[in-house]
Amino acid sequence: MLAFVPIAFFDTMEIVGSLRTRAGLFKTEAAGHRILRIRGHAKGSDEADDRFGAYPSAQKWIELANLRSEIARRAEGIMPGAIEFGRIHFEMLDAGARLDWCVEDTPYFARWQRSVLPIRTNPGFLRIAGNEAGSPAQGWLTLVNVRVPNAQINSGEHPAVHLIMDFRRKTGED
């Protein structure tokens, strides 16, 4: 499987304009790396049972709701009733920061595919997966293979912000 596969373009200007007022919602995960969780595993649930809950800090973000609705609407138009979303979060990588090499090999990633939608990026941002490297352009929803060694670096002049969404095709038993 290719490490990066662009699948659709979305206009992200509305959400880019709203980032400054929402910056306080991002929580520091590591030096230069901040996360804003939108949807994740429900409290007290095991990752294996795929029960998800929404995080209240993002529920009143109108621009985010508009973007998520557009993504869901277009997915529904392509494969009606066939796609469901898993974890969703924003990832902000400050200028000069990096995320070290990792491999997502938990049972969760055997069932879910990761997609990345760059909201704010720059030419100095680089995502590496397997033996490929790329900098997906702003607005391009891109499938990313995180089951191979992967890393990120932002050598640009401002933070890079990406919307990360996990999804899968529904099966008959779901």
Foldseek 3Di string as FASTA:
>chain_A
DDFKAFDDFDDQPVVLVCCVVLVVQWDDDDVQKTKRWAKAADPPDDLVVQHMDGDPSCPPVVSVVVRVVVVVVVVCVVPNPWKDWGTKMKMKGWAFGKFAKDAPDDPNVVAKWKKKAWNDADPQKWKDFDPDIDDDDHRTTMTGHRRGIIMIGRNDDGMTMIMMIIMHTDDPVD
